[in-house]
PDB file of all heavy atoms in Angstrom:
ATOM      1  N   SER A   1     130.371 179.578 191.936  1.00  0.00           N
ATOM      2  CA  SER A   1     129.175 179.302 192.646  1.00  0.00           C
ATOM      3  C   SER A   1     128.384 178.093 192.102  1.00  0.00           C
ATOM      4  O   SER A   1     127.983 177.292 192.815  1.00  0.00           O
ATOM      5  CB  SER A   1     128.211 180.481 192.536  1.00  0.00           C
ATOM      6  OG  SER A   1     128.785 181.684 193.253  1.00  0.00           O
ATOM      7  N   GLN A   2     128.344 178.055 190.685  1.00  0.00           N
ATOM      8  CA  GLN A   2     127.722 176.941 190.094  1.00  0.00           C
ATOM      9  C   GLN A   2     128.442 175.645 190.320  1.00  0.00           C
ATOM     10  O   GLN A   2     127.809 174.542 190.516  1.00  0.00           O
ATOM     11  CB  GLN A   2     127.497 177.223 188.596  1.00  0.00           C
ATOM     12  CG  GLN A   2     126.537 178.303 188.266  1.00  0.00           C
ATOM     13  CD  GLN A   2     126.346 178.552 186.774  1.00  0.00           C
ATOM     14  OE1 GLN A   2     126.352 177.555 186.057  1.00  0.00           O
ATOM     15  NE2 GLN A   2     126.276 179.803 186.411  1.00  0.00           N
ATOM     16  N   HIS A   3     129.767 175.702 190.235  1.00  0.00           N
ATOM     17  CA  HIS A   3     130.541 174.445 190.499  1.00  0.00           C
ATOM     18  C   HIS A   3     130.289 173.948 191.869  1.00  0.00           C
ATOM     19  O   HIS A   3     130.223 172.721 192.162  1.00  0.00           O
ATOM     20  CB  HIS A   3     132.007 174.666 190.247  1.00  0.00           C
ATOM     21  CG  HIS A   3     132.337 174.897 188.807  1.00  0.00           C
ATOM     22  ND1 HIS A   3     133.629 175.270 188.426  1.00  0.00           N
ATOM     23  CD2 HIS A   3     131.594 174.793 187.712  1.00  0.00           C
ATOM     24  CE1 HIS A   3     133.641 175.453 187.054  1.00  0.00           C
ATOM     25  NE2 HIS A   3     132.412 175.084 186.671  1.00  0.00           N
ATOM     26  N   THR A   4     130.197 174.899 192.850  1.00  0.00           N
ATOM     27  CA  THR A   4     129.899 174.528 194.282  1.00  0.00           C
ATOM     28  C   THR A   4     128.520 173.877 194.316  1.00  0.00           C
ATOM     29  O   THR A   4     128.408 172.773 194.923  1.00  0.00           O
ATOM     30  CB  THR A   4     129.904 175.779 195.150  1.00  0.00           C
ATOM     31  OG1 THR A   4     131.091 176.493 194.962  1.00  0.00           O
ATOM     32  CG2 THR A   4     129.664 175.437 196.626  1.00  0.00           C
ATOM     33  N   LEU A   5     127.545 174.459 193.707  1.00  0.00           N
ATOM     34  CA  LEU A   5     126.231 173.778 193.756  1.00  0.00           C
ATOM     35  C   LEU A   5     126.237 172.503 193.036  1.00  0.00           C
ATOM     36  O   LEU A   5     125.610 171.508 193.492  1.00  0.00           O
ATOM     37  CB  LEU A   5     125.188 174.743 193.068  1.00  0.00           C
ATOM     38  CG  LEU A   5     123.762 174.256 192.951  1.00  0.00           C
ATOM     39  CD1 LEU A   5     123.167 173.979 194.396  1.00  0.00           C
ATOM     40  CD2 LEU A   5     122.886 175.255 192.259  1.00  0.00           C
ATOM     41  N   ARG A   6     126.918 172.376 191.867  1.00  0.00           N
ATOM     42  CA  ARG A   6     126.888 171.133 191.103  1.00  0.00           C
ATOM     43  C   ARG A   6     127.451 170.028 191.955  1.00  0.00           C
ATOM     44  O   ARG A   6     126.939 168.875 192.007  1.00  0.00           O
ATOM     45  CB  ARG A   6     127.822 171.300 189.907  1.00  0.00           C
ATOM     46  CG  ARG A   6     128.047 170.062 189.020  1.00  0.00           C
ATOM     47  CD  ARG A   6     129.340 170.317 188.214  1.00  0.00           C
ATOM     48  NE  ARG A   6     130.546 170.364 188.997  1.00  0.00           N
ATOM     49  CZ  ARG A   6     131.685 170.823 188.520  1.00  0.00           C
ATOM     50  NH1 ARG A   6     131.855 171.193 187.241  1.00  0.00           N
ATOM     51  NH2 ARG A   6     132.796 170.828 189.337  1.00  0.00           N
ATOM     52  N   ASP A   7     128.581 170.271 192.686  1.00  0.00           N
ATOM     53  CA  ASP A   7     129.103 169.146 193.442  1.00  0.00           C
ATOM     54  C   ASP A   7     128.383 168.787 194.725  1.00  0.00           C
ATOM     55  O   ASP A   7     128.613 167.664 195.268  1.00  0.00           O
ATOM     56  CB  ASP A   7     130.658 169.450 193.787  1.00  0.00           C
ATOM     57  CG  ASP A   7     131.544 169.541 192.589  1.00  0.00           C
ATOM     58  OD1 ASP A   7     131.051 169.038 191.416  1.00  0.00           O
ATOM     59  OD2 ASP A   7     132.636 169.923 192.667  1.00  0.00           O
ATOM     60  N   CYS A   8     127.523 169.640 195.191  1.00  0.00           N
ATOM     61  CA  CYS A   8     126.666 169.367 196.283  1.00  0.00           C
ATOM     62  C   CYS A   8     125.328 168.708 195.818  1.00  0.00           C
ATOM     63  O   CYS A   8     124.553 168.265 196.645  1.00  0.00           O
ATOM     64  CB  CYS A   8     126.342 170.688 197.115  1.00  0.00           C
ATOM     65  SG  CYS A   8     127.778 171.364 197.990  1.00  0.00           S
ATOM     66  N   LEU A   9     125.019 168.870 194.536  1.00  0.00           N
ATOM     67  CA  LEU A   9     123.779 168.370 194.091  1.00  0.00           C
ATOM     68  C   LEU A   9     123.940 166.888 193.675  1.00  0.00           C
ATOM     69  O   LEU A   9     124.371 166.456 192.612  1.00  0.00           O
ATOM     70  CB  LEU A   9     123.386 169.164 192.782  1.00  0.00           C
ATOM     71  CG  LEU A   9     122.092 168.887 192.050  1.00  0.00           C
ATOM     72  CD1 LEU A   9     120.910 168.743 193.039  1.00  0.00           C
ATOM     73  CD2 LEU A   9     121.783 169.901 191.042  1.00  0.00           C
ATOM     74  N   GLN A  10     123.560 166.060 194.670  1.00  0.00           N
ATOM     75  CA  GLN A  10     123.642 164.584 194.456  1.00  0.00           C
ATOM     76  C   GLN A  10     122.246 164.032 194.465  1.00  0.00           C
ATOM     77  O   GLN A  10     121.411 164.477 193.703  1.00  0.00           O
ATOM     78  CB  GLN A  10     124.534 164.029 195.637  1.00  0.00           C
ATOM     79  CG  GLN A  10     125.935 164.643 195.665  1.00  0.00           C
ATOM     80  CD  GLN A  10     126.782 164.270 194.413  1.00  0.00           C
ATOM     81  OE1 GLN A  10     126.690 163.148 193.881  1.00  0.00           O
ATOM     82  NE2 GLN A  10     127.640 165.196 193.971  1.00  0.00           N
ATOM     83  N   THR A  11     121.885 162.993 195.202  1.00  0.00           N
ATOM     84  CA  THR A  11     120.536 162.507 195.273  1.00  0.00           C
ATOM     85  C   THR A  11     119.652 163.354 196.147  1.00  0.00           C
ATOM     86  O   THR A  11     118.404 163.149 196.138  1.00  0.00           O
ATOM     87  CB  THR A  11     120.452 160.978 195.671  1.00  0.00           C
ATOM     88  OG1 THR A  11     121.214 160.869 196.879  1.00  0.00           O
ATOM     89  CG2 THR A  11     121.019 160.159 194.579  1.00  0.00           C
ATOM     90  N   CYS A  12     120.196 164.256 196.858  1.00  0.00           N
ATOM     91  CA  CYS A  12     119.529 165.415 197.527  1.00  0.00           C
ATOM     92  C   CYS A  12     120.470 166.621 197.428  1.00  0.00           C
ATOM     93  O   CYS A  12     121.592 166.435 196.891  1.00  0.00           O
ATOM     94  CB  CYS A  12     119.090 165.046 198.942  1.00  0.00           C
ATOM     95  SG  CYS A  12     120.560 165.060 200.101  1.00  0.00           S
ATOM     96  N   PHE A  13     120.047 167.714 198.001  1.00  0.00           N
ATOM     97  CA  PHE A  13     120.975 168.809 198.061  1.00  0.00           C
ATOM     98  C   PHE A  13     121.804 168.649 199.366  1.00  0.00           C
ATOM     99  O   PHE A  13     121.359 169.023 200.450  1.00  0.00           O
ATOM    100  CB  PHE A  13     120.253 170.129 198.122  1.00  0.00           C
ATOM    101  CG  PHE A  13     119.748 170.636 196.777  1.00  0.00           C
ATOM    102  CD1 PHE A  13     118.391 170.445 196.429  1.00  0.00           C
ATOM    103  CD2 PHE A  13     120.570 171.247 195.882  1.00  0.00           C
ATOM    104  CE1 PHE A  13     117.883 170.932 195.188  1.00  0.00           C
ATOM    105  CE2 PHE A  13     120.107 171.668 194.669  1.00  0.00           C
ATOM    106  CZ  PHE A  13     118.746 171.464 194.320  1.00  0.00           C
ATOM    107  N   GLU A  14     123.069 168.115 199.180  1.00  0.00           N
ATOM    108  CA  GLU A  14     123.935 167.932 200.351  1.00  0.00           C
ATOM    109  C   GLU A  14     124.484 169.258 200.779  1.00  0.00           C
ATOM    110  O   GLU A  14     124.697 170.177 199.932  1.00  0.00           O
ATOM    111  CB  GLU A  14     124.995 166.920 199.969  1.00  0.00           C
ATOM    112  CG  GLU A  14     124.582 165.530 199.689  1.00  0.00           C
ATOM    113  CD  GLU A  14     125.690 164.540 199.465  1.00  0.00           C
ATOM    114  OE1 GLU A  14     126.823 164.996 199.509  1.00  0.00           O
ATOM    115  OE2 GLU A  14     125.418 163.406 199.221  1.00  0.00           O
ATOM    116  N   ASP A  15     124.848 169.371 202.035  1.00  0.00           N
ATOM    117  CA  ASP A  15     125.449 170.588 202.521  1.00  0.00           C
ATOM    118  C   ASP A  15     126.908 170.693 202.064  1.00  0.00           C
ATOM    119  O   ASP A  15     127.417 171.736 201.643  1.00  0.00           O
ATOM    120  CB  ASP A  15     125.400 170.740 204.023  1.00  0.00           C
ATOM    121  CG  ASP A  15     126.024 169.650 204.814  1.00  0.00           C
ATOM    122  OD1 ASP A  15     126.147 168.534 204.242  1.00  0.00           O
ATOM    123  OD2 ASP A  15     126.578 169.905 205.966  1.00  0.00           O
ATOM    124  N   GLY A  16     127.598 169.568 202.033  1.00  0.00           N
ATOM    125  CA  GLY A  16     128.939 169.510 201.521  1.00  0.00           C
ATOM    126  C   GLY A  16     129.203 168.045 201.120  1.00  0.00           C
ATOM    127  O   GLY A  16     128.934 167.188 201.915  1.00  0.00           O
ATOM    128  N   PRO A  17     129.858 167.857 199.994  1.00  0.00           N
ATOM    129  CA  PRO A  17     130.168 166.456 199.574  1.00  0.00           C
ATOM    130  C   PRO A  17     131.222 165.769 200.395  1.00  0.00           C
ATOM    131  O   PRO A  17     131.481 164.574 200.299  1.00  0.00           O
ATOM    132  CB  PRO A  17     130.526 166.595 198.076  1.00  0.00           C
ATOM    133  CG  PRO A  17     131.019 168.005 197.947  1.00  0.00           C
ATOM    134  CD  PRO A  17     130.219 168.837 198.907  1.00  0.00           C
ATOM    135  N   ARG A  18     132.016 166.639 201.147  1.00  0.00           N
ATOM    136  CA  ARG A  18     133.060 166.123 202.021  1.00  0.00           C
ATOM    137  C   ARG A  18     132.526 165.876 203.412  1.00  0.00           C
ATOM    138  O   ARG A  18     132.739 164.881 204.030  1.00  0.00           O
ATOM    139  CB  ARG A  18     134.237 167.098 202.038  1.00  0.00           C
ATOM    140  CG  ARG A  18     135.280 166.822 203.167  1.00  0.00           C
ATOM    141  CD  ARG A  18     136.505 167.753 202.964  1.00  0.00           C
ATOM    142  NE  ARG A  18     137.397 167.748 204.054  1.00  0.00           N
ATOM    143  CZ  ARG A  18     138.646 168.279 203.918  1.00  0.00           C
ATOM    144  NH1 ARG A  18     139.045 168.854 202.815  1.00  0.00           N
ATOM    145  NH2 ARG A  18     139.449 168.286 204.985  1.00  0.00           N
ATOM    146  N   ARG A  19     131.787 166.811 203.942  1.00  0.00           N
ATOM    147  CA  ARG A  19     131.208 166.813 205.235  1.00  0.00           C
ATOM    148  C   ARG A  19     130.161 167.886 205.349  1.00  0.00           C
ATOM    149  O   ARG A  19     130.483 169.033 204.986  1.00  0.00           O
ATOM    150  CB  ARG A  19     132.329 167.095 206.293  1.00  0.00           C
ATOM    151  CG  ARG A  19     132.209 166.644 207.662  1.00  0.00           C
ATOM    152  CD  ARG A  19     132.656 167.619 208.820  1.00  0.00           C
ATOM    153  NE  ARG A  19     131.554 168.569 208.891  1.00  0.00           N
ATOM    154  CZ  ARG A  19     131.691 169.853 208.551  1.00  0.00           C
ATOM    155  NH1 ARG A  19     132.816 170.387 208.061  1.00  0.00           N
ATOM    156  NH2 ARG A  19     130.679 170.703 208.740  1.00  0.00           N
ATOM    157  N   ASP A  20     128.916 167.683 205.707  1.00  0.00           N
ATOM    158  CA  ASP A  20     128.380 166.526 206.355  1.00  0.00           C
ATOM    159  C   ASP A  20     127.719 165.498 205.400  1.00  0.00           C
ATOM    160  O   ASP A  20     127.213 164.551 205.942  1.00  0.00           O
ATOM    161  CB  ASP A  20     127.278 166.974 207.375  1.00  0.00           C
ATOM    162  CG  ASP A  20     127.801 167.933 208.448  1.00  0.00           C
ATOM    163  OD1 ASP A  20     128.919 167.677 209.011  1.00  0.00           O
ATOM    164  OD2 ASP A  20     127.159 168.992 208.746  1.00  0.00           O
ATOM    165  N   ARG A  21     127.674 165.828 204.186  1.00  0.00           N
ATOM    166  CA  ARG A  21     127.057 164.848 203.251  1.00  0.00           C
ATOM    167  C   ARG A  21     125.567 164.622 203.509  1.00  0.00           C
ATOM    168  O   ARG A  21     125.102 163.487 203.374  1.00  0.00           O
ATOM    169  CB  ARG A  21     127.879 163.589 203.132  1.00  0.00           C
ATOM    170  CG  ARG A  21     129.394 163.752 202.741  1.00  0.00           C
ATOM    171  CD  ARG A  21     130.175 162.586 203.106  1.00  0.00           C
ATOM    172  NE  ARG A  21     129.788 161.404 202.422  1.00  0.00           N
ATOM    173  CZ  ARG A  21     130.573 160.807 201.526  1.00  0.00           C
ATOM    174  NH1 ARG A  21     131.808 161.167 201.254  1.00  0.00           N
ATOM    175  NH2 ARG A  21     130.125 159.675 200.897  1.00  0.00           N
ATOM    176  N   ARG A  22     124.852 165.541 204.039  1.00  0.00           N
ATOM    177  CA  ARG A  22     123.486 165.379 204.322  1.00  0.00           C
ATOM    178  C   ARG A  22     122.659 166.615 204.019  1.00  0.00           C
ATOM    179  O   ARG A  22     123.279 167.672 203.663  1.00  0.00           O
ATOM    180  CB  ARG A  22     123.301 165.019 205.797  1.00  0.00           C
ATOM    181  CG  ARG A  22     123.681 166.022 206.777  1.00  0.00           C
ATOM    182  CD  ARG A  22     123.681 165.525 208.276  1.00  0.00           C
ATOM    183  NE  ARG A  22     124.746 164.578 208.447  1.00  0.00           N
ATOM    184  CZ  ARG A  22     125.493 164.522 209.541  1.00  0.00           C
ATOM    185  NH1 ARG A  22     125.096 165.190 210.613  1.00  0.00           N
ATOM    186  NH2 ARG A  22     126.475 163.688 209.667  1.00  0.00           N
ATOM    187  N   LEU A  23     121.425 166.528 204.209  1.00  0.00           N
ATOM    188  CA  LEU A  23     120.449 167.623 203.847  1.00  0.00           C
ATOM    189  C   LEU A  23     120.203 168.481 205.044  1.00  0.00           C
ATOM    190  O   LEU A  23     119.734 168.002 206.104  1.00  0.00           O
ATOM    191  CB  LEU A  23     119.193 166.918 203.280  1.00  0.00           C
ATOM    192  CG  LEU A  23     117.986 167.826 203.054  1.00  0.00           C
ATOM    193  CD1 LEU A  23     118.265 168.881 201.971  1.00  0.00           C
ATOM    194  CD2 LEU A  23     116.823 166.957 202.636  1.00  0.00           C
ATOM    195  N   TRP A  24     120.441 169.754 204.880  1.00  0.00           N
ATOM    196  CA  TRP A  24     120.120 170.807 205.991  1.00  0.00           C
ATOM    197  C   TRP A  24     119.145 171.851 205.371  1.00  0.00           C
ATOM    198  O   TRP A  24     119.330 172.247 204.243  1.00  0.00           O
ATOM    199  CB  TRP A  24     121.355 171.429 206.489  1.00  0.00           C
ATOM    200  CG  TRP A  24     122.338 170.659 207.341  1.00  0.00           C
ATOM    201  CD1 TRP A  24     123.321 169.812 206.891  1.00  0.00           C
ATOM    202  CD2 TRP A  24     122.286 170.619 208.746  1.00  0.00           C
ATOM    203  NE1 TRP A  24     123.949 169.211 207.966  1.00  0.00           N
ATOM    204  CE2 TRP A  24     123.311 169.698 209.121  1.00  0.00           C
ATOM    205  CE3 TRP A  24     121.521 171.140 209.784  1.00  0.00           C
ATOM    206  CZ2 TRP A  24     123.609 169.437 210.437  1.00  0.00           C
ATOM    207  CZ3 TRP A  24     121.806 170.935 211.057  1.00  0.00           C
ATOM    208  CH2 TRP A  24     122.820 170.034 211.459  1.00  0.00           C
ATOM    209  N   VAL A  25     118.209 172.204 206.233  1.00  0.00           N
ATOM    210  CA  VAL A  25     117.205 173.253 205.743  1.00  0.00           C
ATOM    211  C   VAL A  25     117.864 174.572 205.396  1.00  0.00           C
ATOM    212  O   VAL A  25     117.547 175.146 204.306  1.00  0.00           O
ATOM    213  CB  VAL A  25     116.142 173.569 206.778  1.00  0.00           C
ATOM    214  CG1 VAL A  25     115.165 174.614 206.349  1.00  0.00           C
ATOM    215  CG2 VAL A  25     115.359 172.270 207.179  1.00  0.00           C
ATOM    216  N   GLY A  26     118.755 175.073 206.236  1.00  0.00           N
ATOM    217  CA  GLY A  26     119.414 176.371 205.890  1.00  0.00           C
ATOM    218  C   GLY A  26     120.249 176.338 204.620  1.00  0.00           C
ATOM    219  O   GLY A  26     120.052 177.330 203.846  1.00  0.00           O
ATOM    220  N   ASP A  27     120.946 175.277 204.353  1.00  0.00           N
ATOM    221  CA  ASP A  27     121.586 175.187 203.049  1.00  0.00           C
ATOM    222  C   ASP A  27     120.601 175.043 201.924  1.00  0.00           C
ATOM    223  O   ASP A  27     120.850 175.595 200.894  1.00  0.00           O
ATOM    224  CB  ASP A  27     122.579 173.996 203.104  1.00  0.00           C
ATOM    225  CG  ASP A  27     123.603 174.044 204.147  1.00  0.00           C
ATOM    226  OD1 ASP A  27     123.328 173.805 205.341  1.00  0.00           O
ATOM    227  OD2 ASP A  27     124.812 174.385 203.829  1.00  0.00           O
ATOM    228  N   LEU A  28     119.619 174.235 202.213  1.00  0.00           N
ATOM    229  CA  LEU A  28     118.655 173.953 201.075  1.00  0.00           C
ATOM    230  C   LEU A  28     117.979 175.231 200.524  1.00  0.00           C
ATOM    231  O   LEU A  28     117.812 175.455 199.348  1.00  0.00           O
ATOM    232  CB  LEU A  28     117.519 173.122 201.595  1.00  0.00           C
ATOM    233  CG  LEU A  28     116.366 172.798 200.641  1.00  0.00           C
ATOM    234  CD1 LEU A  28     116.832 172.121 199.388  1.00  0.00           C
ATOM    235  CD2 LEU A  28     115.265 171.900 201.292  1.00  0.00           C
ATOM    236  N   ARG A  29     117.697 176.233 201.380  1.00  0.00           N
ATOM    237  CA  ARG A  29     117.045 177.410 200.950  1.00  0.00           C
ATOM    238  C   ARG A  29     117.977 178.087 199.875  1.00  0.00           C
ATOM    239  O   ARG A  29     117.435 178.491 198.840  1.00  0.00           O
ATOM    240  CB  ARG A  29     116.695 178.363 202.107  1.00  0.00           C
ATOM    241  CG  ARG A  29     115.837 179.520 201.582  1.00  0.00           C
ATOM    242  CD  ARG A  29     116.173 180.881 202.099  1.00  0.00           C
ATOM    243  NE  ARG A  29     115.504 181.876 201.250  1.00  0.00           N
ATOM    244  CZ  ARG A  29     115.864 183.138 201.242  1.00  0.00           C
ATOM    245  NH1 ARG A  29     116.847 183.608 201.974  1.00  0.00           N
ATOM    246  NH2 ARG A  29     115.243 184.006 200.443  1.00  0.00           N
ATOM    247  N   LEU A  30     119.250 178.231 200.224  1.00  0.00           N
ATOM    248  CA  LEU A  30     120.135 178.995 199.321  1.00  0.00           C
ATOM    249  C   LEU A  30     120.438 178.100 198.102  1.00  0.00           C
ATOM    250  O   LEU A  30     120.573 178.662 196.970  1.00  0.00           O
ATOM    251  CB  LEU A  30     121.422 179.327 200.058  1.00  0.00           C
ATOM    252  CG  LEU A  30     121.219 180.190 201.307  1.00  0.00           C
ATOM    253  CD1 LEU A  30     122.557 180.627 201.895  1.00  0.00           C
ATOM    254  CD2 LEU A  30     120.344 181.406 201.006  1.00  0.00           C
ATOM    255  N   GLN A  31     120.568 176.822 198.233  1.00  0.00           N
ATOM    256  CA  GLN A  31     120.818 175.897 197.077  1.00  0.00           C
ATOM    257  C   GLN A  31     119.582 176.016 196.128  1.00  0.00           C
ATOM    258  O   GLN A  31     119.741 176.017 194.912  1.00  0.00           O
ATOM    259  CB  GLN A  31     121.018 174.471 197.543  1.00  0.00           C
ATOM    260  CG  GLN A  31     122.344 174.255 198.183  1.00  0.00           C
ATOM    261  CD  GLN A  31     122.337 172.794 198.821  1.00  0.00           C
ATOM    262  OE1 GLN A  31     121.632 172.573 199.743  1.00  0.00           O
ATOM    263  NE2 GLN A  31     123.251 171.935 198.338  1.00  0.00           N
ATOM    264  N   ALA A  32     118.356 175.968 196.684  1.00  0.00           N
ATOM    265  CA  ALA A  32     117.168 176.019 195.877  1.00  0.00           C
ATOM    266  C   ALA A  32     117.106 177.320 195.068  1.00  0.00           C
ATOM    267  O   ALA A  32     116.798 177.267 193.863  1.00  0.00           O
ATOM    268  CB  ALA A  32     115.957 175.891 196.703  1.00  0.00           C
ATOM    269  N   LEU A  33     117.389 178.443 195.710  1.00  0.00           N
ATOM    270  CA  LEU A  33     117.461 179.669 194.992  1.00  0.00           C
ATOM    271  C   LEU A  33     118.450 179.675 193.856  1.00  0.00           C
ATOM    272  O   LEU A  33     118.114 180.082 192.680  1.00  0.00           O
ATOM    273  CB  LEU A  33     117.668 180.858 195.872  1.00  0.00           C
ATOM    274  CG  LEU A  33     116.618 181.200 196.933  1.00  0.00           C
ATOM    275  CD1 LEU A  33     117.130 182.261 197.965  1.00  0.00           C
ATOM    276  CD2 LEU A  33     115.346 181.623 196.281  1.00  0.00           C
TER     277      LEU A  33
END
């Protein structure tokens, strides 16, 4: 779980570093927690 978050944690919380490589509210809530 931490490795997943680590690789999505770039200059924002990306939804996925492969795709979509952008910031989504739904993903952000779980990433932030």
